Amino acid sequence: MDLIKFFQIAGKLKDVERSGWKERGVRSPETSADHSFMVALMVLVFGRGRKINLEKALRMALVHELPEAVVGDIISREKWEKGGQMWDSEKIKKERPAVQKIASLAGEPEILDLWEEFESQKTPEAKFVEEIDWLATIIQAVEYHKKGNYKKPLPGFWDQKALSHIRDPELRRFLDEVLNLLKKK
């Protein structure tokens, strides 16, 4: 266990600019730390009253991007057909050793367990955090679009394929409100 090294590595998330934004020419794009914070905050707000373990979902939201502190933000082909750098299975093979190292530095095997659970998408908490992950990304794309902060078009972030990841009725209503505001601009 080495908590100093753990927090030094985790702190690198503040420097990992999200690849999807960089590829589209967004100036000063959000980092993986920014994204993780927003996902955790949205899990907290939208998770109330759900039949999930909210504390577990919050912990999962906080660690779901943690390997990016070591390997960077890798876009998989499954998630983004045009810009994907590798298949999900390859991405996981790169990220797993990184999160194993990070978890061991913290002396917290739960970090690895939460990350594995998120990646496997078999529990209600993992599925909820994944939907929030998509929701946060779509909302960020809308914000960049409204500000004109891009060189390549962003509507692909809220096309039918992207929107299909938001199945929860409450999250979908919220997203529809966000997209309606975009249409009014």
N, C-alpha and C. Protein backbone atom coordinates (compact mmCIF):
# COMPACT_ATOMS: atom_id res chain seq x y z
N MET A 1 0.85 -1.19 0.00
CA MET A 1 0.00 0.00 0.00
C MET A 1 0.89 1.24 0.00
N ASP A 2 0.54 2.19 -0.83
CA ASP A 2 1.27 3.44 -0.92
C ASP A 2 0.27 4.53 -1.30
N LEU A 3 -0.35 5.14 -0.29
CA LEU A 3 -1.41 6.11 -0.55
C LEU A 3 -0.91 7.36 -1.26
N ILE A 4 0.33 7.76 -0.97
CA ILE A 4 0.87 8.94 -1.66
C ILE A 4 0.91 8.67 -3.17
N LYS A 5 1.46 7.53 -3.55
CA LYS A 5 1.52 7.19 -4.97
C LYS A 5 0.12 7.01 -5.55
N PHE A 6 -0.78 6.40 -4.78
CA PHE A 6 -2.16 6.22 -5.23
C PHE A 6 -2.79 7.57 -5.60
N PHE A 7 -2.69 8.53 -4.69
CA PHE A 7 -3.31 9.83 -4.96
C PHE A 7 -2.58 10.60 -6.06
N GLN A 8 -1.27 10.40 -6.17
CA GLN A 8 -0.55 11.02 -7.29
C GLN A 8 -1.05 10.49 -8.62
N ILE A 9 -1.23 9.18 -8.71
CA ILE A 9 -1.72 8.58 -9.96
C ILE A 9 -3.16 9.00 -10.21
N ALA A 10 -4.01 8.89 -9.20
CA ALA A 10 -5.42 9.28 -9.37
C ALA A 10 -5.52 10.75 -9.78
N GLY A 11 -4.65 11.59 -9.25
CA GLY A 11 -4.66 13.01 -9.58
C GLY A 11 -4.34 13.28 -11.03
N LYS A 12 -3.71 12.33 -11.71
CA LYS A 12 -3.40 12.51 -13.13
C LYS A 12 -4.66 12.56 -13.98
N LEU A 13 -5.80 12.09 -13.45
CA LEU A 13 -7.06 12.19 -14.19
C LEU A 13 -7.40 13.64 -14.52
N LYS A 14 -6.88 14.57 -13.71
CA LYS A 14 -7.13 15.99 -13.95
C LYS A 14 -6.42 16.48 -15.21
N ASP A 15 -5.46 15.70 -15.70
CA ASP A 15 -4.69 16.08 -16.89
C ASP A 15 -5.07 15.28 -18.14
N VAL A 16 -5.93 14.28 -17.98
CA VAL A 16 -6.32 13.42 -19.11
C VAL A 16 -7.52 14.04 -19.81
N GLU A 17 -7.24 14.73 -20.92
CA GLU A 17 -8.33 15.33 -21.70
C GLU A 17 -9.08 14.22 -22.42
N ARG A 18 -10.39 14.30 -22.45
CA ARG A 18 -11.20 13.25 -23.06
C ARG A 18 -11.01 13.25 -24.58
N SER A 19 -10.72 12.07 -25.09
CA SER A 19 -10.33 11.89 -26.50
C SER A 19 -11.40 12.34 -27.49
N GLY A 20 -12.65 12.03 -27.20
CA GLY A 20 -13.72 12.40 -28.13
C GLY A 20 -13.80 13.89 -28.38
N TRP A 21 -13.52 14.66 -27.34
CA TRP A 21 -13.55 16.12 -27.49
C TRP A 21 -12.33 16.60 -28.24
N LYS A 22 -11.17 16.03 -27.93
CA LYS A 22 -9.95 16.43 -28.63
C LYS A 22 -10.06 16.14 -30.12
N GLU A 23 -10.63 14.98 -30.47
CA GLU A 23 -10.76 14.62 -31.88
C GLU A 23 -11.67 15.59 -32.64
N ARG A 24 -12.56 16.25 -31.93
CA ARG A 24 -13.48 17.17 -32.58
C ARG A 24 -13.06 18.63 -32.43
N GLY A 25 -11.86 18.84 -31.94
CA GLY A 25 -11.33 20.19 -31.88
C GLY A 25 -11.93 21.06 -30.80
N VAL A 26 -12.39 20.47 -29.72
CA VAL A 26 -12.91 21.25 -28.60
C VAL A 26 -11.73 21.89 -27.88
N ARG A 27 -11.83 23.20 -27.66
CA ARG A 27 -10.79 23.92 -26.92
C ARG A 27 -10.98 23.67 -25.42
N SER A 28 -9.91 23.41 -24.71
CA SER A 28 -9.93 23.16 -23.27
C SER A 28 -11.01 22.13 -22.89
N PRO A 29 -10.92 20.92 -23.45
CA PRO A 29 -11.96 19.93 -23.18
C PRO A 29 -11.94 19.45 -21.74
N GLU A 30 -13.08 18.91 -21.33
CA GLU A 30 -13.16 18.35 -19.99
C GLU A 30 -12.15 17.22 -19.86
N THR A 31 -11.72 16.99 -18.64
CA THR A 31 -10.79 15.90 -18.35
C THR A 31 -11.57 14.71 -17.82
N SER A 32 -10.87 13.61 -17.68
CA SER A 32 -11.51 12.42 -17.09
C SER A 32 -11.94 12.70 -15.66
N ALA A 33 -11.20 13.53 -14.93
CA ALA A 33 -11.61 13.90 -13.57
C ALA A 33 -12.89 14.73 -13.60
N ASP A 34 -12.97 15.69 -14.53
CA ASP A 34 -14.19 16.49 -14.66
C ASP A 34 -15.38 15.58 -14.94
N HIS A 35 -15.19 14.67 -15.87
CA HIS A 35 -16.27 13.77 -16.27
C HIS A 35 -16.69 12.87 -15.09
N SER A 36 -15.72 12.31 -14.40
CA SER A 36 -16.04 11.43 -13.27
C SER A 36 -16.81 12.17 -12.18
N PHE A 37 -16.42 13.42 -11.93
CA PHE A 37 -17.14 14.22 -10.95
C PHE A 37 -18.59 14.41 -11.37
N MET A 38 -18.81 14.76 -12.64
CA MET A 38 -20.17 14.99 -13.11
C MET A 38 -20.99 13.70 -13.06
N VAL A 39 -20.39 12.59 -13.45
CA VAL A 39 -21.11 11.31 -13.39
C VAL A 39 -21.50 11.01 -11.94
N ALA A 40 -20.58 11.18 -11.00
CA ALA A 40 -20.89 10.91 -9.59
C ALA A 40 -21.99 11.85 -9.09
N LEU A 41 -21.92 13.12 -9.45
CA LEU A 41 -22.94 14.07 -9.02
C LEU A 41 -24.32 13.70 -9.60
N MET A 42 -24.34 13.31 -10.86
CA MET A 42 -25.61 12.91 -11.48
C MET A 42 -26.14 11.61 -10.87
N VAL A 43 -25.26 10.68 -10.53
CA VAL A 43 -25.68 9.45 -9.85
C VAL A 43 -26.33 9.81 -8.52
N LEU A 44 -25.73 10.73 -7.79
CA LEU A 44 -26.28 11.16 -6.51
C LEU A 44 -27.68 11.74 -6.68
N VAL A 45 -27.84 12.63 -7.63
CA VAL A 45 -29.12 13.33 -7.82
C VAL A 45 -30.19 12.40 -8.41
N PHE A 46 -29.84 11.67 -9.47
CA PHE A 46 -30.83 10.83 -10.14
C PHE A 46 -31.01 9.47 -9.47
N GLY A 47 -30.11 9.13 -8.56
CA GLY A 47 -30.18 7.82 -7.91
C GLY A 47 -31.14 7.73 -6.74
N ARG A 48 -31.60 8.87 -6.26
CA ARG A 48 -32.52 8.85 -5.11
C ARG A 48 -33.78 8.07 -5.44
N GLY A 49 -34.21 7.24 -4.49
CA GLY A 49 -35.46 6.52 -4.61
C GLY A 49 -35.43 5.35 -5.58
N ARG A 50 -34.30 5.01 -6.10
CA ARG A 50 -34.19 3.88 -7.03
C ARG A 50 -33.89 2.60 -6.26
N LYS A 51 -34.18 1.50 -6.91
CA LYS A 51 -33.91 0.19 -6.31
C LYS A 51 -32.49 -0.23 -6.64
N ILE A 52 -31.55 0.59 -6.20
CA ILE A 52 -30.13 0.29 -6.36
C ILE A 52 -29.44 0.63 -5.05
N ASN A 53 -28.25 0.12 -4.89
CA ASN A 53 -27.41 0.50 -3.76
C ASN A 53 -26.72 1.80 -4.19
N LEU A 54 -27.26 2.93 -3.73
CA LEU A 54 -26.77 4.23 -4.17
C LEU A 54 -25.32 4.46 -3.77
N GLU A 55 -24.94 4.05 -2.58
CA GLU A 55 -23.55 4.23 -2.15
C GLU A 55 -22.60 3.47 -3.08
N LYS A 56 -22.98 2.25 -3.43
CA LYS A 56 -22.16 1.46 -4.34
C LYS A 56 -22.08 2.12 -5.71
N ALA A 57 -23.20 2.63 -6.20
CA ALA A 57 -23.22 3.30 -7.50
C ALA A 57 -22.33 4.54 -7.48
N LEU A 58 -22.34 5.28 -6.38
CA LEU A 58 -21.47 6.46 -6.26
C LEU A 58 -20.00 6.06 -6.28
N ARG A 59 -19.67 5.01 -5.55
CA ARG A 59 -18.27 4.54 -5.54
C ARG A 59 -17.86 4.09 -6.95
N MET A 60 -18.77 3.43 -7.64
CA MET A 60 -18.49 2.96 -8.99
C MET A 60 -18.27 4.15 -9.93
N ALA A 61 -19.10 5.17 -9.79
CA ALA A 61 -18.96 6.37 -10.62
C ALA A 61 -17.60 7.03 -10.40
N LEU A 62 -17.14 7.01 -9.18
CA LEU A 62 -15.85 7.64 -8.87
C LEU A 62 -14.66 6.87 -9.45
N VAL A 63 -14.78 5.55 -9.61
CA VAL A 63 -13.64 4.77 -10.07
C VAL A 63 -13.74 4.31 -11.52
N HIS A 64 -14.87 4.56 -12.18
CA HIS A 64 -15.06 3.97 -13.52
C HIS A 64 -14.03 4.45 -14.54
N GLU A 65 -13.44 5.62 -14.37
CA GLU A 65 -12.43 6.14 -15.30
C GLU A 65 -11.01 6.06 -14.74
N LEU A 66 -10.86 5.50 -13.56
CA LEU A 66 -9.56 5.50 -12.88
C LEU A 66 -8.40 4.95 -13.70
N PRO A 67 -8.57 3.88 -14.49
CA PRO A 67 -7.42 3.39 -15.26
C PRO A 67 -6.89 4.42 -16.26
N GLU A 68 -7.71 5.39 -16.63
CA GLU A 68 -7.28 6.40 -17.59
C GLU A 68 -6.12 7.24 -17.05
N ALA A 69 -5.95 7.24 -15.74
CA ALA A 69 -4.82 7.96 -15.15
C ALA A 69 -3.50 7.33 -15.58
N VAL A 70 -3.54 6.06 -15.97
CA VAL A 70 -2.34 5.33 -16.40
C VAL A 70 -2.31 5.16 -17.92
N VAL A 71 -3.43 4.75 -18.53
CA VAL A 71 -3.42 4.40 -19.96
C VAL A 71 -4.01 5.49 -20.85
N GLY A 72 -4.56 6.55 -20.29
CA GLY A 72 -5.19 7.59 -21.09
C GLY A 72 -6.63 7.23 -21.43
N ASP A 73 -7.29 8.14 -22.11
CA ASP A 73 -8.70 7.94 -22.50
C ASP A 73 -8.74 7.23 -23.83
N ILE A 74 -9.13 5.97 -23.80
CA ILE A 74 -9.19 5.15 -25.01
C ILE A 74 -10.65 5.04 -25.43
N ILE A 75 -10.94 5.42 -26.66
CA ILE A 75 -12.29 5.26 -27.19
C ILE A 75 -12.34 3.92 -27.90
N SER A 76 -13.29 3.09 -27.50
CA SER A 76 -13.40 1.78 -28.15
C SER A 76 -14.25 1.89 -29.41
N ARG A 77 -14.03 0.97 -30.32
CA ARG A 77 -14.80 0.95 -31.56
C ARG A 77 -16.27 0.69 -31.29
N GLU A 78 -16.57 -0.11 -30.28
CA GLU A 78 -17.97 -0.39 -29.97
C GLU A 78 -18.69 0.87 -29.53
N LYS A 79 -18.00 1.75 -28.81
CA LYS A 79 -18.64 2.95 -28.30
C LYS A 79 -18.64 4.10 -29.30
N TRP A 80 -17.62 4.15 -30.14
CA TRP A 80 -17.57 5.24 -31.11
C TRP A 80 -16.99 4.71 -32.41
N GLU A 81 -17.87 4.36 -33.33
CA GLU A 81 -17.46 3.67 -34.56
C GLU A 81 -16.42 4.42 -35.36
N LYS A 82 -16.54 5.74 -35.48
CA LYS A 82 -15.65 6.49 -36.36
C LYS A 82 -14.30 6.80 -35.74
N GLY A 83 -14.24 6.93 -34.42
CA GLY A 83 -13.00 7.35 -33.81
C GLY A 83 -12.38 6.31 -32.90
N GLY A 84 -13.00 5.12 -32.83
CA GLY A 84 -12.52 4.11 -31.90
C GLY A 84 -11.11 3.64 -32.20
N GLN A 85 -10.32 3.57 -31.17
CA GLN A 85 -8.93 3.19 -31.33
C GLN A 85 -8.71 1.69 -31.24
N MET A 86 -9.60 0.98 -30.51
CA MET A 86 -9.45 -0.46 -30.35
C MET A 86 -10.78 -1.06 -29.91
N TRP A 87 -10.87 -2.37 -29.96
CA TRP A 87 -12.08 -3.06 -29.53
C TRP A 87 -12.17 -3.03 -28.01
N ASP A 88 -13.38 -3.15 -27.49
CA ASP A 88 -13.58 -3.14 -26.04
C ASP A 88 -12.70 -4.17 -25.34
N SER A 89 -12.59 -5.36 -25.90
CA SER A 89 -11.80 -6.40 -25.25
C SER A 89 -10.32 -5.99 -25.14
N GLU A 90 -9.80 -5.33 -26.17
CA GLU A 90 -8.43 -4.84 -26.12
C GLU A 90 -8.28 -3.72 -25.09
N LYS A 91 -9.26 -2.84 -25.07
CA LYS A 91 -9.26 -1.73 -24.12
C LYS A 91 -9.23 -2.25 -22.68
N ILE A 92 -10.06 -3.23 -22.41
CA ILE A 92 -10.12 -3.80 -21.06
C ILE A 92 -8.80 -4.47 -20.70
N LYS A 93 -8.16 -5.12 -21.67
CA LYS A 93 -6.86 -5.75 -21.41
C LYS A 93 -5.80 -4.72 -21.03
N LYS A 94 -5.90 -3.52 -21.57
CA LYS A 94 -4.96 -2.45 -21.21
C LYS A 94 -5.32 -1.83 -19.85
N GLU A 95 -6.62 -1.66 -19.64
CA GLU A 95 -7.06 -0.97 -18.42
C GLU A 95 -6.99 -1.84 -17.16
N ARG A 96 -7.27 -3.13 -17.29
CA ARG A 96 -7.31 -4.00 -16.10
C ARG A 96 -6.01 -3.95 -15.30
N PRO A 97 -4.82 -4.14 -15.92
CA PRO A 97 -3.59 -4.06 -15.12
C PRO A 97 -3.41 -2.69 -14.46
N ALA A 98 -3.86 -1.64 -15.14
CA ALA A 98 -3.73 -0.30 -14.56
C ALA A 98 -4.58 -0.18 -13.30
N VAL A 99 -5.82 -0.63 -13.37
CA VAL A 99 -6.69 -0.51 -12.20
C VAL A 99 -6.26 -1.48 -11.11
N GLN A 100 -5.70 -2.62 -11.47
CA GLN A 100 -5.16 -3.54 -10.46
C GLN A 100 -4.03 -2.86 -9.67
N LYS A 101 -3.15 -2.20 -10.40
CA LYS A 101 -2.03 -1.48 -9.76
C LYS A 101 -2.56 -0.38 -8.85
N ILE A 102 -3.49 0.40 -9.36
CA ILE A 102 -4.05 1.51 -8.59
C ILE A 102 -4.73 1.01 -7.33
N ALA A 103 -5.52 -0.04 -7.46
CA ALA A 103 -6.23 -0.61 -6.30
C ALA A 103 -5.25 -1.13 -5.26
N SER A 104 -4.17 -1.76 -5.71
CA SER A 104 -3.19 -2.28 -4.76
C SER A 104 -2.46 -1.15 -4.03
N LEU A 105 -2.19 -0.06 -4.74
CA LEU A 105 -1.55 1.09 -4.09
C LEU A 105 -2.44 1.67 -2.99
N ALA A 106 -3.75 1.62 -3.20
CA ALA A 106 -4.69 2.14 -2.21
C ALA A 106 -4.96 1.12 -1.11
N GLY A 107 -4.59 -0.14 -1.36
CA GLY A 107 -4.94 -1.18 -0.40
C GLY A 107 -6.44 -1.43 -0.38
N GLU A 108 -7.08 -1.18 -1.52
CA GLU A 108 -8.54 -1.27 -1.63
C GLU A 108 -8.92 -2.18 -2.80
N PRO A 109 -9.04 -3.48 -2.56
CA PRO A 109 -9.44 -4.37 -3.65
C PRO A 109 -10.83 -4.03 -4.20
N GLU A 110 -11.63 -3.32 -3.41
CA GLU A 110 -12.97 -2.94 -3.87
C GLU A 110 -12.90 -2.06 -5.13
N ILE A 111 -11.85 -1.29 -5.28
CA ILE A 111 -11.70 -0.44 -6.47
C ILE A 111 -11.72 -1.32 -7.72
N LEU A 112 -10.94 -2.39 -7.70
CA LEU A 112 -10.91 -3.31 -8.84
C LEU A 112 -12.27 -3.98 -9.00
N ASP A 113 -12.87 -4.41 -7.90
CA ASP A 113 -14.18 -5.07 -7.97
C ASP A 113 -15.24 -4.15 -8.58
N LEU A 114 -15.25 -2.89 -8.17
CA LEU A 114 -16.23 -1.94 -8.70
C LEU A 114 -16.00 -1.68 -10.18
N TRP A 115 -14.74 -1.55 -10.57
CA TRP A 115 -14.41 -1.33 -11.97
C TRP A 115 -14.83 -2.53 -12.82
N GLU A 116 -14.51 -3.74 -12.33
CA GLU A 116 -14.90 -4.97 -13.05
C GLU A 116 -16.42 -5.06 -13.18
N GLU A 117 -17.12 -4.72 -12.11
CA GLU A 117 -18.58 -4.75 -12.14
C GLU A 117 -19.14 -3.75 -13.15
N PHE A 118 -18.55 -2.57 -13.19
CA PHE A 118 -18.98 -1.57 -14.17
C PHE A 118 -18.76 -2.10 -15.58
N GLU A 119 -17.59 -2.65 -15.84
CA GLU A 119 -17.27 -3.15 -17.17
C GLU A 119 -18.16 -4.32 -17.58
N SER A 120 -18.55 -5.16 -16.63
CA SER A 120 -19.36 -6.33 -16.97
C SER A 120 -20.83 -5.98 -17.23
N GLN A 121 -21.30 -4.86 -16.68
CA GLN A 121 -22.68 -4.39 -16.90
C GLN A 121 -23.73 -5.43 -16.55
N LYS A 122 -23.54 -6.12 -15.42
CA LYS A 122 -24.49 -7.17 -15.03
C LYS A 122 -25.35 -6.80 -13.83
N THR A 123 -25.04 -5.72 -13.15
CA THR A 123 -25.82 -5.35 -11.96
C THR A 123 -26.62 -4.08 -12.23
N PRO A 124 -27.68 -3.87 -11.46
CA PRO A 124 -28.46 -2.64 -11.64
C PRO A 124 -27.61 -1.38 -11.44
N GLU A 125 -26.67 -1.42 -10.50
CA GLU A 125 -25.81 -0.26 -10.25
C GLU A 125 -24.93 0.03 -11.46
N ALA A 126 -24.33 -1.01 -12.03
CA ALA A 126 -23.45 -0.83 -13.20
C ALA A 126 -24.23 -0.29 -14.39
N LYS A 127 -25.42 -0.81 -14.60
CA LYS A 127 -26.25 -0.36 -15.71
C LYS A 127 -26.68 1.09 -15.52
N PHE A 128 -27.01 1.45 -14.28
CA PHE A 128 -27.41 2.83 -13.98
C PHE A 128 -26.24 3.79 -14.20
N VAL A 129 -25.07 3.44 -13.68
CA VAL A 129 -23.90 4.31 -13.84
C VAL A 129 -23.53 4.43 -15.32
N GLU A 130 -23.67 3.38 -16.09
CA GLU A 130 -23.38 3.44 -17.53
C GLU A 130 -24.34 4.41 -18.23
N GLU A 131 -25.62 4.36 -17.88
CA GLU A 131 -26.57 5.30 -18.49
C GLU A 131 -26.22 6.74 -18.12
N ILE A 132 -25.86 6.94 -16.86
CA ILE A 132 -25.46 8.28 -16.42
C ILE A 132 -24.19 8.71 -17.15
N ASP A 133 -23.27 7.78 -17.36
CA ASP A 133 -22.03 8.07 -18.09
C ASP A 133 -22.36 8.60 -19.48
N TRP A 134 -23.28 7.94 -20.17
CA TRP A 134 -23.71 8.41 -21.49
C TRP A 134 -24.42 9.75 -21.39
N LEU A 135 -25.30 9.88 -20.40
CA LEU A 135 -26.06 11.13 -20.23
C LEU A 135 -25.11 12.30 -20.01
N ALA A 136 -24.13 12.13 -19.15
CA ALA A 136 -23.17 13.21 -18.88
C ALA A 136 -22.41 13.58 -20.14
N THR A 137 -22.05 12.59 -20.93
CA THR A 137 -21.31 12.85 -22.18
C THR A 137 -22.17 13.61 -23.18
N ILE A 138 -23.42 13.19 -23.33
CA ILE A 138 -24.32 13.86 -24.27
C ILE A 138 -24.55 15.30 -23.84
N ILE A 139 -24.77 15.51 -22.56
CA ILE A 139 -25.01 16.87 -22.06
C ILE A 139 -23.78 17.74 -22.27
N GLN A 140 -22.60 17.18 -22.07
CA GLN A 140 -21.37 17.94 -22.30
C GLN A 140 -21.24 18.31 -23.77
N ALA A 141 -21.59 17.38 -24.65
CA ALA A 141 -21.55 17.67 -26.10
C ALA A 141 -22.50 18.81 -26.45
N VAL A 142 -23.68 18.79 -25.86
CA VAL A 142 -24.66 19.86 -26.10
C VAL A 142 -24.09 21.20 -25.64
N GLU A 143 -23.45 21.21 -24.49
CA GLU A 143 -22.85 22.47 -23.98
C GLU A 143 -21.77 22.99 -24.92
N TYR A 144 -20.90 22.10 -25.39
CA TYR A 144 -19.88 22.53 -26.33
C TYR A 144 -20.51 23.04 -27.63
N HIS A 145 -21.55 22.36 -28.07
CA HIS A 145 -22.23 22.77 -29.31
C HIS A 145 -22.85 24.16 -29.16
N LYS A 146 -23.54 24.38 -28.03
CA LYS A 146 -24.18 25.69 -27.80
C LYS A 146 -23.15 26.82 -27.78
N LYS A 147 -21.96 26.54 -27.27
CA LYS A 147 -20.93 27.56 -27.18
C LYS A 147 -20.12 27.69 -28.48
N GLY A 148 -20.36 26.78 -29.43
CA GLY A 148 -19.57 26.79 -30.66
C GLY A 148 -18.14 26.32 -30.44
N ASN A 149 -17.93 25.58 -29.38
CA ASN A 149 -16.59 25.12 -29.02
C ASN A 149 -16.30 23.76 -29.65
N TYR A 150 -16.07 23.75 -30.95
CA TYR A 150 -15.74 22.53 -31.68
C TYR A 150 -15.29 22.91 -33.08
N LYS A 151 -14.52 22.00 -33.70
CA LYS A 151 -14.14 22.17 -35.10
C LYS A 151 -14.88 21.17 -35.97
N LYS A 152 -15.10 19.97 -35.45
CA LYS A 152 -15.86 18.94 -36.17
C LYS A 152 -17.22 18.84 -35.50
N PRO A 153 -18.27 18.58 -36.26
CA PRO A 153 -19.63 18.56 -35.72
C PRO A 153 -19.81 17.60 -34.53
N LEU A 154 -20.68 18.00 -33.61
CA LEU A 154 -20.94 17.22 -32.40
C LEU A 154 -22.27 16.47 -32.39
N PRO A 155 -23.20 16.70 -33.32
CA PRO A 155 -24.50 16.02 -33.22
C PRO A 155 -24.43 14.50 -33.13
N GLY A 156 -23.35 13.88 -33.56
CA GLY A 156 -23.21 12.43 -33.40
C GLY A 156 -23.31 11.99 -31.96
N PHE A 157 -23.04 12.93 -31.05
CA PHE A 157 -23.14 12.60 -29.63
C PHE A 157 -24.59 12.49 -29.16
N TRP A 158 -25.52 13.03 -29.93
CA TRP A 158 -26.93 12.88 -29.55
C TRP A 158 -27.75 12.33 -30.71
N ASP A 159 -27.11 11.50 -31.54
CA ASP A 159 -27.87 10.83 -32.60
C ASP A 159 -28.64 9.65 -31.99
N GLN A 160 -29.40 8.95 -32.82
CA GLN A 160 -30.25 7.86 -32.31
C GLN A 160 -29.44 6.79 -31.61
N LYS A 161 -28.25 6.46 -32.13
CA LYS A 161 -27.43 5.43 -31.48
C LYS A 161 -27.03 5.87 -30.07
N ALA A 162 -26.57 7.09 -29.95
CA ALA A 162 -26.18 7.59 -28.63
C ALA A 162 -27.39 7.65 -27.69
N LEU A 163 -28.50 8.16 -28.21
CA LEU A 163 -29.70 8.29 -27.38
C LEU A 163 -30.25 6.94 -26.95
N SER A 164 -30.00 5.91 -27.73
CA SER A 164 -30.52 4.58 -27.39
C SER A 164 -29.91 4.03 -26.11
N HIS A 165 -28.80 4.60 -25.66
CA HIS A 165 -28.17 4.16 -24.42
C HIS A 165 -28.90 4.69 -23.18
N ILE A 166 -29.76 5.65 -23.38
CA ILE A 166 -30.53 6.22 -22.26
C ILE A 166 -31.93 5.60 -22.32
N ARG A 167 -32.13 4.57 -21.52
CA ARG A 167 -33.40 3.85 -21.53
C ARG A 167 -34.28 4.19 -20.33
N ASP A 168 -33.69 4.64 -19.27
CA ASP A 168 -34.45 4.97 -18.07
C ASP A 168 -35.39 6.14 -18.36
N PRO A 169 -36.69 6.00 -18.05
CA PRO A 169 -37.66 7.07 -18.39
C PRO A 169 -37.33 8.43 -17.78
N GLU A 170 -36.90 8.46 -16.52
CA GLU A 170 -36.58 9.74 -15.89
C GLU A 170 -35.38 10.39 -16.56
N LEU A 171 -34.35 9.61 -16.82
CA LEU A 171 -33.16 10.15 -17.47
C LEU A 171 -33.47 10.60 -18.89
N ARG A 172 -34.32 9.85 -19.57
CA ARG A 172 -34.69 10.20 -20.95
C ARG A 172 -35.48 11.51 -20.99
N ARG A 173 -36.40 11.69 -20.03
CA ARG A 173 -37.16 12.95 -19.98
C ARG A 173 -36.22 14.13 -19.75
N PHE A 174 -35.28 13.95 -18.84
CA PHE A 174 -34.31 15.01 -18.57
C PHE A 174 -33.50 15.32 -19.83
N LEU A 175 -33.02 14.28 -20.50
CA LEU A 175 -32.24 14.48 -21.72
C LEU A 175 -33.08 15.17 -22.78
N ASP A 176 -34.33 14.77 -22.92
CA ASP A 176 -35.21 15.42 -23.91
C ASP A 176 -35.35 16.92 -23.61
N GLU A 177 -35.44 17.27 -22.33
CA GLU A 177 -35.51 18.70 -21.96
C GLU A 177 -34.24 19.42 -22.38
N VAL A 178 -33.10 18.80 -22.14
CA VAL A 178 -31.82 19.39 -22.54
C VAL A 178 -31.78 19.58 -24.05
N LEU A 179 -32.17 18.57 -24.79
CA LEU A 179 -32.14 18.66 -26.26
C LEU A 179 -33.15 19.67 -26.78
N ASN A 180 -34.28 19.81 -26.12
CA ASN A 180 -35.26 20.83 -26.53
C ASN A 180 -34.71 22.24 -26.35
N LEU A 181 -33.91 22.45 -25.30
CA LEU A 181 -33.27 23.76 -25.13
C LEU A 181 -32.29 24.04 -26.26
N LEU A 182 -31.64 22.99 -26.74
CA LEU A 182 -30.70 23.15 -27.85
C LEU A 182 -31.44 23.58 -29.11
N LYS A 183 -32.60 22.99 -29.35
CA LYS A 183 -33.40 23.34 -30.54
C LYS A 183 -33.88 24.77 -30.51
N LYS A 184 -34.09 25.31 -29.31
CA LYS A 184 -34.59 26.68 -29.18
C LYS A 184 -33.51 27.71 -29.45
N LYS A 185 -32.25 27.31 -29.33
CA LYS A 185 -31.15 28.26 -29.53
C LYS A 185 -30.94 28.56 -30.99
